[in-house]
Amino acid sequence: VDGAQFNLGLMYSNGHGVPQDYSQAAIWYRKAAEQGYAAAQYDLGVLYLFGTGVPVDYAQGIKWFPKAAEQGHPSAQTDLAHFYLTGEYVPQDYALAVSWYRKAAERGNPDGQAALASLYEDGTGVPQNYSEAYFWTSLAAANPELAGTYRFLSEEHAKDRDRIASHLTSKELLQVQERARKWFEAHPAKPQ
């Protein structure tokens, strides 16, 4: 039932088969969100943050992101991490930012992987560690989610990876490349 409610919310949000109506989308997203449907929780949170179909309500909006993130919704995880990193909508907390980016990265999300790499490269919220930065940016650069339309992001991540490599010894580079190879073996690409 919650999936059907979410899909009806999507139809209203996108104007597919019904007139576009964000307030109706919010109603159906809420029904699904209250039943624990992660995508509905995320989309409802976004509607409240931007005041789309509902009045702007940051507290109501931000309340839904952790619920979706806890269930592994990748955009909720990376957005929540960003909020904690910047202090937008929530008190700034680097440890929580790192934690949410890591959860997204470990699930194979390229945005989480690239953001976590950046934190390690800069030493933000974690000790600076070029091996970790190289590892995560290598995963982001080779992430199959970035094929096709988003290929340019993969190329940018590859440039970042190559820049970070200059901070590593040959031995460190080989070790982290082997770690990345093992990660890909353990996490084969899913068909698109």
N, C-alpha and C. Protein backbone atom coordinates (compact mmCIF):
# COMPACT_ATOMS: atom_id res chain seq x y z
N VAL A 1 0.83 -1.19 0.00
CA VAL A 1 0.00 0.00 0.00
C VAL A 1 0.87 1.26 0.00
N ASP A 2 1.93 1.27 0.85
CA ASP A 2 2.76 2.46 0.93
C ASP A 2 3.43 2.76 -0.41
N GLY A 3 3.81 1.72 -1.15
CA GLY A 3 4.41 1.94 -2.47
C GLY A 3 3.42 2.55 -3.44
N ALA A 4 2.18 2.11 -3.38
CA ALA A 4 1.14 2.67 -4.26
C ALA A 4 0.89 4.13 -3.90
N GLN A 5 0.88 4.43 -2.60
CA GLN A 5 0.68 5.81 -2.18
C GLN A 5 1.83 6.70 -2.64
N PHE A 6 3.03 6.19 -2.51
CA PHE A 6 4.19 6.93 -2.99
C PHE A 6 4.09 7.17 -4.50
N ASN A 7 3.73 6.13 -5.24
CA ASN A 7 3.63 6.28 -6.69
C ASN A 7 2.56 7.30 -7.07
N LEU A 8 1.47 7.34 -6.34
CA LEU A 8 0.45 8.35 -6.60
C LEU A 8 1.01 9.74 -6.31
N GLY A 9 1.79 9.86 -5.24
CA GLY A 9 2.46 11.13 -4.95
C GLY A 9 3.38 11.53 -6.09
N LEU A 10 4.13 10.57 -6.63
CA LEU A 10 5.01 10.85 -7.77
C LEU A 10 4.22 11.31 -8.98
N MET A 11 3.09 10.66 -9.22
CA MET A 11 2.26 11.05 -10.36
C MET A 11 1.81 12.50 -10.22
N TYR A 12 1.37 12.88 -9.03
CA TYR A 12 0.97 14.27 -8.81
C TYR A 12 2.17 15.22 -8.89
N SER A 13 3.29 14.80 -8.36
CA SER A 13 4.48 15.65 -8.39
C SER A 13 4.96 15.91 -9.81
N ASN A 14 4.88 14.89 -10.66
CA ASN A 14 5.40 15.00 -12.03
C ASN A 14 4.32 15.29 -13.06
N GLY A 15 3.05 15.26 -12.67
CA GLY A 15 1.97 15.47 -13.62
C GLY A 15 1.81 14.34 -14.61
N HIS A 16 2.04 13.11 -14.15
CA HIS A 16 1.90 11.93 -15.01
C HIS A 16 0.52 11.32 -14.81
N GLY A 17 -0.35 11.45 -15.82
CA GLY A 17 -1.68 10.87 -15.75
C GLY A 17 -2.68 11.67 -14.94
N VAL A 18 -2.19 12.69 -14.24
CA VAL A 18 -3.04 13.59 -13.45
C VAL A 18 -2.46 14.99 -13.59
N PRO A 19 -3.25 16.02 -13.35
CA PRO A 19 -2.67 17.37 -13.37
C PRO A 19 -1.59 17.49 -12.28
N GLN A 20 -0.50 18.18 -12.61
CA GLN A 20 0.55 18.36 -11.60
C GLN A 20 -0.02 19.15 -10.43
N ASP A 21 0.18 18.61 -9.22
CA ASP A 21 -0.38 19.23 -8.02
C ASP A 21 0.50 18.82 -6.83
N TYR A 22 1.39 19.73 -6.44
CA TYR A 22 2.34 19.41 -5.38
C TYR A 22 1.66 19.24 -4.02
N SER A 23 0.56 19.93 -3.79
CA SER A 23 -0.12 19.74 -2.50
C SER A 23 -0.72 18.34 -2.42
N GLN A 24 -1.23 17.82 -3.54
CA GLN A 24 -1.72 16.43 -3.56
C GLN A 24 -0.53 15.46 -3.42
N ALA A 25 0.58 15.79 -4.06
CA ALA A 25 1.78 14.95 -3.92
C ALA A 25 2.17 14.85 -2.45
N ALA A 26 2.15 15.99 -1.76
CA ALA A 26 2.53 15.99 -0.34
C ALA A 26 1.59 15.12 0.48
N ILE A 27 0.30 15.16 0.17
CA ILE A 27 -0.67 14.34 0.90
C ILE A 27 -0.34 12.86 0.75
N TRP A 28 -0.08 12.44 -0.48
CA TRP A 28 0.20 11.02 -0.73
C TRP A 28 1.58 10.62 -0.24
N TYR A 29 2.56 11.51 -0.36
CA TYR A 29 3.88 11.21 0.20
C TYR A 29 3.77 11.02 1.71
N ARG A 30 2.99 11.89 2.37
CA ARG A 30 2.86 11.79 3.83
C ARG A 30 2.25 10.45 4.23
N LYS A 31 1.22 10.01 3.51
CA LYS A 31 0.60 8.72 3.83
C LYS A 31 1.63 7.59 3.74
N ALA A 32 2.43 7.60 2.69
CA ALA A 32 3.46 6.56 2.54
C ALA A 32 4.59 6.75 3.55
N ALA A 33 4.97 8.01 3.78
CA ALA A 33 6.07 8.30 4.72
C ALA A 33 5.72 7.84 6.13
N GLU A 34 4.49 8.06 6.54
CA GLU A 34 4.07 7.67 7.88
C GLU A 34 4.06 6.15 8.06
N GLN A 35 4.03 5.43 6.95
CA GLN A 35 4.11 3.97 7.00
C GLN A 35 5.56 3.49 6.86
N GLY A 36 6.50 4.43 6.79
CA GLY A 36 7.90 4.06 6.76
C GLY A 36 8.51 3.91 5.38
N TYR A 37 7.87 4.40 4.35
CA TYR A 37 8.39 4.27 2.99
C TYR A 37 9.48 5.32 2.77
N ALA A 38 10.72 4.88 2.64
CA ALA A 38 11.89 5.77 2.63
C ALA A 38 11.83 6.83 1.53
N ALA A 39 11.51 6.45 0.32
CA ALA A 39 11.49 7.42 -0.78
C ALA A 39 10.45 8.51 -0.52
N ALA A 40 9.32 8.14 0.06
CA ALA A 40 8.28 9.12 0.39
C ALA A 40 8.76 10.04 1.51
N GLN A 41 9.46 9.47 2.49
CA GLN A 41 9.99 10.30 3.58
C GLN A 41 10.95 11.34 3.02
N TYR A 42 11.82 10.91 2.13
CA TYR A 42 12.78 11.84 1.53
C TYR A 42 12.06 12.92 0.72
N ASP A 43 11.17 12.51 -0.18
CA ASP A 43 10.49 13.48 -1.04
C ASP A 43 9.62 14.44 -0.23
N LEU A 44 8.98 13.96 0.82
CA LEU A 44 8.18 14.83 1.68
C LEU A 44 9.09 15.86 2.37
N GLY A 45 10.24 15.40 2.85
CA GLY A 45 11.19 16.32 3.46
C GLY A 45 11.62 17.42 2.50
N VAL A 46 11.89 17.04 1.26
CA VAL A 46 12.29 18.02 0.25
C VAL A 46 11.17 19.04 0.01
N LEU A 47 9.93 18.56 -0.08
CA LEU A 47 8.82 19.49 -0.30
C LEU A 47 8.74 20.52 0.82
N TYR A 48 8.92 20.10 2.06
CA TYR A 48 8.86 21.04 3.18
C TYR A 48 10.04 22.00 3.19
N LEU A 49 11.22 21.52 2.84
CA LEU A 49 12.38 22.42 2.84
C LEU A 49 12.24 23.52 1.81
N PHE A 50 11.63 23.20 0.68
CA PHE A 50 11.52 24.18 -0.40
C PHE A 50 10.14 24.83 -0.49
N GLY A 51 9.21 24.39 0.35
CA GLY A 51 7.88 24.97 0.32
C GLY A 51 7.13 24.67 -0.97
N THR A 52 7.28 23.46 -1.45
CA THR A 52 6.63 23.05 -2.69
C THR A 52 5.36 22.28 -2.35
N GLY A 53 4.22 22.92 -2.56
CA GLY A 53 2.94 22.28 -2.27
C GLY A 53 2.54 22.33 -0.81
N VAL A 54 3.44 22.78 0.01
CA VAL A 54 3.22 22.93 1.45
C VAL A 54 3.97 24.20 1.89
N PRO A 55 3.60 24.78 3.02
CA PRO A 55 4.38 25.93 3.50
C PRO A 55 5.81 25.50 3.85
N VAL A 56 6.76 26.39 3.66
CA VAL A 56 8.14 26.09 4.07
C VAL A 56 8.12 25.81 5.57
N ASP A 57 8.70 24.68 5.93
CA ASP A 57 8.78 24.30 7.34
C ASP A 57 10.04 23.46 7.51
N TYR A 58 11.12 24.12 7.90
CA TYR A 58 12.41 23.44 7.99
C TYR A 58 12.39 22.32 9.01
N ALA A 59 11.74 22.53 10.14
CA ALA A 59 11.69 21.49 11.18
C ALA A 59 10.96 20.26 10.65
N GLN A 60 9.84 20.49 9.97
CA GLN A 60 9.07 19.38 9.41
C GLN A 60 9.87 18.70 8.29
N GLY A 61 10.54 19.51 7.50
CA GLY A 61 11.33 18.95 6.40
C GLY A 61 12.48 18.11 6.89
N ILE A 62 13.24 18.65 7.82
CA ILE A 62 14.45 17.95 8.27
C ILE A 62 14.10 16.71 9.08
N LYS A 63 12.91 16.65 9.63
CA LYS A 63 12.49 15.49 10.42
C LYS A 63 12.45 14.21 9.58
N TRP A 64 12.17 14.34 8.29
CA TRP A 64 12.00 13.16 7.43
C TRP A 64 13.32 12.62 6.88
N PHE A 65 14.34 13.45 6.78
CA PHE A 65 15.61 12.99 6.20
C PHE A 65 16.26 11.85 6.98
N PRO A 66 16.39 11.95 8.31
CA PRO A 66 17.00 10.83 9.04
C PRO A 66 16.20 9.54 8.93
N LYS A 67 14.88 9.65 8.86
CA LYS A 67 14.04 8.45 8.75
C LYS A 67 14.35 7.72 7.44
N ALA A 68 14.46 8.47 6.36
CA ALA A 68 14.80 7.87 5.07
C ALA A 68 16.25 7.41 5.05
N ALA A 69 17.14 8.21 5.62
CA ALA A 69 18.57 7.87 5.63
C ALA A 69 18.85 6.59 6.41
N GLU A 70 18.16 6.42 7.53
CA GLU A 70 18.34 5.21 8.34
C GLU A 70 17.97 3.95 7.57
N GLN A 71 17.08 4.09 6.59
CA GLN A 71 16.67 2.95 5.78
C GLN A 71 17.57 2.78 4.56
N GLY A 72 18.60 3.62 4.44
CA GLY A 72 19.55 3.46 3.35
C GLY A 72 19.23 4.24 2.11
N HIS A 73 18.32 5.21 2.18
CA HIS A 73 18.02 6.04 1.01
C HIS A 73 19.24 6.91 0.71
N PRO A 74 19.92 6.68 -0.44
CA PRO A 74 21.20 7.34 -0.68
C PRO A 74 21.13 8.86 -0.76
N SER A 75 20.11 9.42 -1.38
CA SER A 75 20.03 10.88 -1.45
C SER A 75 19.76 11.47 -0.08
N ALA A 76 18.96 10.79 0.73
CA ALA A 76 18.71 11.26 2.10
C ALA A 76 20.02 11.23 2.89
N GLN A 77 20.81 10.19 2.70
CA GLN A 77 22.08 10.08 3.42
C GLN A 77 23.04 11.20 3.01
N THR A 78 23.18 11.44 1.71
CA THR A 78 24.14 12.46 1.27
C THR A 78 23.62 13.87 1.58
N ASP A 79 22.32 14.09 1.45
CA ASP A 79 21.79 15.42 1.79
C ASP A 79 21.93 15.69 3.28
N LEU A 80 21.61 14.70 4.10
CA LEU A 80 21.75 14.86 5.55
C LEU A 80 23.21 15.12 5.92
N ALA A 81 24.11 14.39 5.29
CA ALA A 81 25.54 14.62 5.52
C ALA A 81 25.92 16.05 5.16
N HIS A 82 25.42 16.52 4.03
CA HIS A 82 25.71 17.89 3.60
C HIS A 82 25.17 18.90 4.62
N PHE A 83 23.97 18.65 5.12
CA PHE A 83 23.40 19.57 6.11
C PHE A 83 24.28 19.63 7.35
N TYR A 84 24.76 18.48 7.81
CA TYR A 84 25.63 18.47 8.99
C TYR A 84 26.99 19.09 8.68
N LEU A 85 27.47 18.91 7.49
CA LEU A 85 28.77 19.49 7.11
C LEU A 85 28.71 21.01 7.10
N THR A 86 27.62 21.55 6.55
CA THR A 86 27.50 23.00 6.38
C THR A 86 26.77 23.70 7.51
N GLY A 87 26.05 22.93 8.34
CA GLY A 87 25.23 23.56 9.38
C GLY A 87 23.93 24.12 8.83
N GLU A 88 23.55 23.68 7.65
CA GLU A 88 22.29 24.13 7.05
C GLU A 88 21.15 23.26 7.60
N TYR A 89 20.16 23.89 8.18
CA TYR A 89 18.96 23.27 8.77
C TYR A 89 19.23 22.54 10.09
N VAL A 90 20.45 22.17 10.37
CA VAL A 90 20.81 21.44 11.60
C VAL A 90 22.11 22.04 12.14
N PRO A 91 22.39 21.84 13.42
CA PRO A 91 23.68 22.31 13.93
C PRO A 91 24.84 21.59 13.22
N GLN A 92 25.88 22.33 12.90
CA GLN A 92 27.03 21.73 12.21
C GLN A 92 27.65 20.64 13.08
N ASP A 93 27.92 19.50 12.46
CA ASP A 93 28.49 18.37 13.17
C ASP A 93 29.28 17.53 12.17
N TYR A 94 30.60 17.73 12.16
CA TYR A 94 31.44 17.03 11.19
C TYR A 94 31.39 15.51 11.37
N ALA A 95 31.31 15.06 12.61
CA ALA A 95 31.29 13.61 12.84
C ALA A 95 30.05 12.99 12.20
N LEU A 96 28.90 13.64 12.34
CA LEU A 96 27.69 13.12 11.71
C LEU A 96 27.76 13.24 10.19
N ALA A 97 28.37 14.30 9.70
CA ALA A 97 28.54 14.45 8.25
C ALA A 97 29.37 13.29 7.71
N VAL A 98 30.49 13.00 8.35
CA VAL A 98 31.34 11.90 7.92
C VAL A 98 30.58 10.59 8.00
N SER A 99 29.86 10.37 9.08
CA SER A 99 29.11 9.13 9.27
C SER A 99 28.10 8.91 8.15
N TRP A 100 27.32 9.94 7.80
CA TRP A 100 26.32 9.78 6.75
C TRP A 100 26.94 9.65 5.37
N TYR A 101 28.01 10.40 5.11
CA TYR A 101 28.69 10.23 3.82
C TYR A 101 29.26 8.81 3.71
N ARG A 102 29.82 8.31 4.81
CA ARG A 102 30.39 6.96 4.79
C ARG A 102 29.30 5.91 4.52
N LYS A 103 28.16 6.07 5.15
CA LYS A 103 27.07 5.10 4.92
C LYS A 103 26.66 5.10 3.45
N ALA A 104 26.53 6.28 2.87
CA ALA A 104 26.18 6.36 1.45
C ALA A 104 27.29 5.78 0.58
N ALA A 105 28.53 6.11 0.92
CA ALA A 105 29.68 5.63 0.13
C ALA A 105 29.77 4.11 0.18
N GLU A 106 29.58 3.55 1.35
CA GLU A 106 29.68 2.09 1.49
C GLU A 106 28.55 1.37 0.77
N ARG A 107 27.45 2.06 0.52
CA ARG A 107 26.35 1.49 -0.26
C ARG A 107 26.58 1.66 -1.76
N GLY A 108 27.70 2.29 -2.13
CA GLY A 108 28.04 2.45 -3.54
C GLY A 108 27.55 3.74 -4.15
N ASN A 109 27.13 4.70 -3.35
CA ASN A 109 26.66 5.97 -3.87
C ASN A 109 27.84 6.85 -4.29
N PRO A 110 27.92 7.25 -5.57
CA PRO A 110 29.07 8.02 -6.03
C PRO A 110 29.19 9.39 -5.38
N ASP A 111 28.06 10.03 -5.04
CA ASP A 111 28.13 11.32 -4.35
C ASP A 111 28.73 11.16 -2.96
N GLY A 112 28.32 10.11 -2.26
CA GLY A 112 28.88 9.84 -0.94
C GLY A 112 30.36 9.50 -1.03
N GLN A 113 30.73 8.72 -2.04
CA GLN A 113 32.14 8.34 -2.22
C GLN A 113 33.01 9.58 -2.49
N ALA A 114 32.55 10.44 -3.39
CA ALA A 114 33.34 11.63 -3.73
C ALA A 114 33.41 12.60 -2.55
N ALA A 115 32.31 12.76 -1.83
CA ALA A 115 32.31 13.67 -0.68
C ALA A 115 33.22 13.15 0.43
N LEU A 116 33.16 11.85 0.68
CA LEU A 116 34.02 11.27 1.71
C LEU A 116 35.48 11.42 1.32
N ALA A 117 35.78 11.23 0.05
CA ALA A 117 37.15 11.43 -0.43
C ALA A 117 37.62 12.85 -0.17
N SER A 118 36.75 13.80 -0.43
CA SER A 118 37.09 15.20 -0.22
C SER A 118 37.36 15.50 1.26
N LEU A 119 36.55 14.91 2.13
CA LEU A 119 36.78 15.12 3.57
C LEU A 119 38.13 14.57 4.00
N TYR A 120 38.48 13.39 3.48
CA TYR A 120 39.78 12.82 3.81
C TYR A 120 40.92 13.63 3.21
N GLU A 121 40.73 14.13 2.01
CA GLU A 121 41.78 14.93 1.39
C GLU A 121 42.03 16.22 2.17
N ASP A 122 40.96 16.85 2.62
CA ASP A 122 41.07 18.13 3.34
C ASP A 122 41.27 17.97 4.84
N GLY A 123 40.98 16.78 5.37
CA GLY A 123 41.06 16.59 6.81
C GLY A 123 39.90 17.25 7.53
N THR A 124 38.74 17.25 6.92
CA THR A 124 37.54 17.84 7.53
C THR A 124 36.73 16.75 8.22
N GLY A 125 36.68 16.81 9.53
CA GLY A 125 35.90 15.83 10.29
C GLY A 125 36.61 14.50 10.49
N VAL A 126 37.72 14.32 9.83
CA VAL A 126 38.56 13.12 9.92
C VAL A 126 40.00 13.56 9.81
N PRO A 127 40.93 12.75 10.31
CA PRO A 127 42.34 13.09 10.07
C PRO A 127 42.62 13.05 8.57
N GLN A 128 43.41 13.98 8.09
CA GLN A 128 43.77 13.97 6.67
C GLN A 128 44.44 12.65 6.33
N ASN A 129 43.96 12.03 5.25
CA ASN A 129 44.48 10.71 4.88
C ASN A 129 44.35 10.56 3.36
N TYR A 130 45.46 10.73 2.67
CA TYR A 130 45.44 10.68 1.21
C TYR A 130 45.14 9.28 0.67
N SER A 131 45.50 8.25 1.41
CA SER A 131 45.17 6.90 0.96
C SER A 131 43.66 6.70 0.96
N GLU A 132 42.99 7.15 2.02
CA GLU A 132 41.53 7.05 2.07
C GLU A 132 40.89 7.93 0.99
N ALA A 133 41.44 9.12 0.81
CA ALA A 133 40.91 10.01 -0.22
C ALA A 133 41.04 9.37 -1.60
N TYR A 134 42.19 8.76 -1.86
CA TYR A 134 42.39 8.11 -3.15
C TYR A 134 41.43 6.94 -3.32
N PHE A 135 41.29 6.14 -2.28
CA PHE A 135 40.40 4.99 -2.33
C PHE A 135 38.98 5.40 -2.70
N TRP A 136 38.42 6.34 -1.95
CA TRP A 136 37.02 6.72 -2.17
C TRP A 136 36.82 7.45 -3.50
N THR A 137 37.79 8.25 -3.90
CA THR A 137 37.62 8.93 -5.18
C THR A 137 37.82 7.96 -6.35
N SER A 138 38.60 6.91 -6.14
CA SER A 138 38.74 5.85 -7.16
C SER A 138 37.40 5.15 -7.36
N LEU A 139 36.72 4.86 -6.26
CA LEU A 139 35.42 4.22 -6.36
C LEU A 139 34.42 5.13 -7.07
N ALA A 140 34.44 6.41 -6.73
CA ALA A 140 33.52 7.35 -7.37
C ALA A 140 33.80 7.45 -8.86
N ALA A 141 35.07 7.49 -9.23
CA ALA A 141 35.44 7.64 -10.65
C ALA A 141 35.00 6.44 -11.48
N ALA A 142 35.03 5.27 -10.89
CA ALA A 142 34.68 4.05 -11.63
C ALA A 142 33.24 3.60 -11.37
N ASN A 143 32.47 4.41 -10.67
CA ASN A 143 31.11 4.01 -10.29
C ASN A 143 30.22 3.89 -11.52
N PRO A 144 29.59 2.72 -11.70
CA PRO A 144 28.74 2.52 -12.88
C PRO A 144 27.50 3.41 -12.91
N GLU A 145 27.12 3.99 -11.78
CA GLU A 145 25.98 4.91 -11.76
C GLU A 145 26.27 6.17 -12.56
N LEU A 146 27.56 6.43 -12.83
CA LEU A 146 27.94 7.65 -13.53
C LEU A 146 28.16 7.42 -15.02
N ALA A 147 27.71 6.30 -15.52
CA ALA A 147 27.83 6.03 -16.95
C ALA A 147 26.82 6.90 -17.71
N GLY A 148 27.03 7.05 -18.97
CA GLY A 148 26.08 7.77 -19.82
C GLY A 148 26.04 9.25 -19.52
N THR A 149 24.88 9.75 -19.18
CA THR A 149 24.65 11.18 -18.99
C THR A 149 25.59 11.80 -17.96
N TYR A 150 25.93 11.04 -16.94
CA TYR A 150 26.75 11.59 -15.85
C TYR A 150 28.23 11.23 -15.99
N ARG A 151 28.64 10.81 -17.17
CA ARG A 151 30.03 10.42 -17.40
C ARG A 151 31.01 11.54 -17.05
N PHE A 152 30.60 12.78 -17.28
CA PHE A 152 31.48 13.92 -16.98
C PHE A 152 31.87 13.94 -15.50
N LEU A 153 30.97 13.51 -14.61
CA LEU A 153 31.30 13.45 -13.19
C LEU A 153 32.38 12.40 -12.93
N SER A 154 32.26 11.27 -13.61
CA SER A 154 33.27 10.23 -13.47
C SER A 154 34.63 10.76 -13.89
N GLU A 155 34.66 11.52 -14.96
CA GLU A 155 35.93 12.10 -15.43
C GLU A 155 36.50 13.10 -14.43
N GLU A 156 35.62 13.89 -13.80
CA GLU A 156 36.08 14.84 -12.77
C GLU A 156 36.65 14.09 -11.56
N HIS A 157 35.97 13.02 -11.17
CA HIS A 157 36.47 12.22 -10.05
C HIS A 157 37.82 11.59 -10.39
N ALA A 158 37.99 11.18 -11.63
CA ALA A 158 39.27 10.60 -12.06
C ALA A 158 40.38 11.65 -11.97
N LYS A 159 40.09 12.88 -12.33
CA LYS A 159 41.08 13.96 -12.21
C LYS A 159 41.44 14.18 -10.74
N ASP A 160 40.42 14.17 -9.88
CA ASP A 160 40.67 14.32 -8.44
C ASP A 160 41.55 13.18 -7.93
N ARG A 161 41.20 11.95 -8.35
CA ARG A 161 41.98 10.77 -7.94
C ARG A 161 43.43 10.92 -8.35
N ASP A 162 43.66 11.33 -9.59
CA ASP A 162 45.04 11.46 -10.09
C ASP A 162 45.80 12.56 -9.35
N ARG A 163 45.12 13.64 -8.99
CA ARG A 163 45.76 14.71 -8.22
C ARG A 163 46.15 14.19 -6.83
N ILE A 164 45.24 13.44 -6.20
CA ILE A 164 45.50 12.91 -4.86
C ILE A 164 46.66 11.91 -4.89
N ALA A 165 46.79 11.18 -5.98
CA ALA A 165 47.85 10.17 -6.11
C ALA A 165 49.23 10.78 -5.92
N SER A 166 49.39 12.04 -6.27
CA SER A 166 50.70 12.69 -6.16
C SER A 166 51.16 12.80 -4.70
N HIS A 167 50.26 12.60 -3.75
CA HIS A 167 50.60 12.67 -2.33
C HIS A 167 50.98 11.30 -1.76
N LEU A 168 50.91 10.25 -2.58
CA LEU A 168 51.17 8.89 -2.10
C LEU A 168 52.49 8.36 -2.65
N THR A 169 53.11 7.51 -1.84
CA THR A 169 54.30 6.81 -2.34
C THR A 169 53.83 5.70 -3.29
N SER A 170 54.75 5.15 -4.04
CA SER A 170 54.40 4.05 -4.96
C SER A 170 53.81 2.89 -4.20
N LYS A 171 54.38 2.58 -3.04
CA LYS A 171 53.88 1.46 -2.24
C LYS A 171 52.46 1.74 -1.74
N GLU A 172 52.23 2.95 -1.22
CA GLU A 172 50.89 3.31 -0.75
C GLU A 172 49.87 3.25 -1.88
N LEU A 173 50.28 3.72 -3.04
CA LEU A 173 49.39 3.72 -4.20
C LEU A 173 49.00 2.31 -4.60
N LEU A 174 49.98 1.41 -4.62
CA LEU A 174 49.68 0.01 -4.96
C LEU A 174 48.74 -0.62 -3.93
N GLN A 175 48.97 -0.32 -2.67
CA GLN A 175 48.12 -0.89 -1.62
C GLN A 175 46.68 -0.41 -1.74
N VAL A 176 46.49 0.87 -1.99
CA VAL A 176 45.14 1.39 -2.06
C VAL A 176 44.46 0.96 -3.36
N GLN A 177 45.21 0.80 -4.44
CA GLN A 177 44.64 0.30 -5.68
C GLN A 177 44.18 -1.15 -5.50
N GLU A 178 44.94 -1.93 -4.76
CA GLU A 178 44.54 -3.31 -4.48
C GLU A 178 43.28 -3.33 -3.61
N ARG A 179 43.21 -2.44 -2.65
CA ARG A 179 42.01 -2.35 -1.80
C ARG A 179 40.79 -2.00 -2.65
N ALA A 180 40.94 -1.07 -3.58
CA ALA A 180 39.83 -0.68 -4.45
C ALA A 180 39.43 -1.87 -5.34
N ARG A 181 40.41 -2.60 -5.86
CA ARG A 181 40.12 -3.77 -6.69
C ARG A 181 39.29 -4.78 -5.91
N LYS A 182 39.67 -5.03 -4.67
CA LYS A 182 38.93 -5.98 -3.82
C LYS A 182 37.53 -5.47 -3.53
N TRP A 183 37.39 -4.17 -3.35
CA TRP A 183 36.07 -3.61 -3.10
C TRP A 183 35.16 -3.88 -4.31
N PHE A 184 35.67 -3.65 -5.51
CA PHE A 184 34.86 -3.88 -6.70
C PHE A 184 34.52 -5.35 -6.88
N GLU A 185 35.43 -6.24 -6.50
CA GLU A 185 35.13 -7.67 -6.57
C GLU A 185 33.99 -8.02 -5.61
N ALA A 186 34.00 -7.41 -4.44
CA ALA A 186 32.98 -7.70 -3.44
C ALA A 186 31.66 -6.97 -3.72
N HIS A 187 31.70 -5.97 -4.57
CA HIS A 187 30.51 -5.17 -4.88
C HIS A 187 30.35 -5.08 -6.40
N PRO A 188 30.00 -6.18 -7.05
CA PRO A 188 29.88 -6.13 -8.51
C PRO A 188 28.79 -5.16 -8.96
N ALA A 189 29.01 -4.56 -10.12
CA ALA A 189 28.04 -3.61 -10.66
C ALA A 189 26.72 -4.30 -10.92
N LYS A 190 25.65 -3.61 -10.57
CA LYS A 190 24.30 -4.13 -10.83
C LYS A 190 23.89 -3.67 -12.22
N PRO A 191 23.14 -4.49 -12.93
CA PRO A 191 22.67 -4.07 -14.27
C PRO A 191 21.85 -2.79 -14.17
N GLN A 192 22.06 -1.90 -15.10
CA GLN A 192 21.33 -0.62 -15.11
C GLN A 192 19.94 -0.80 -15.69
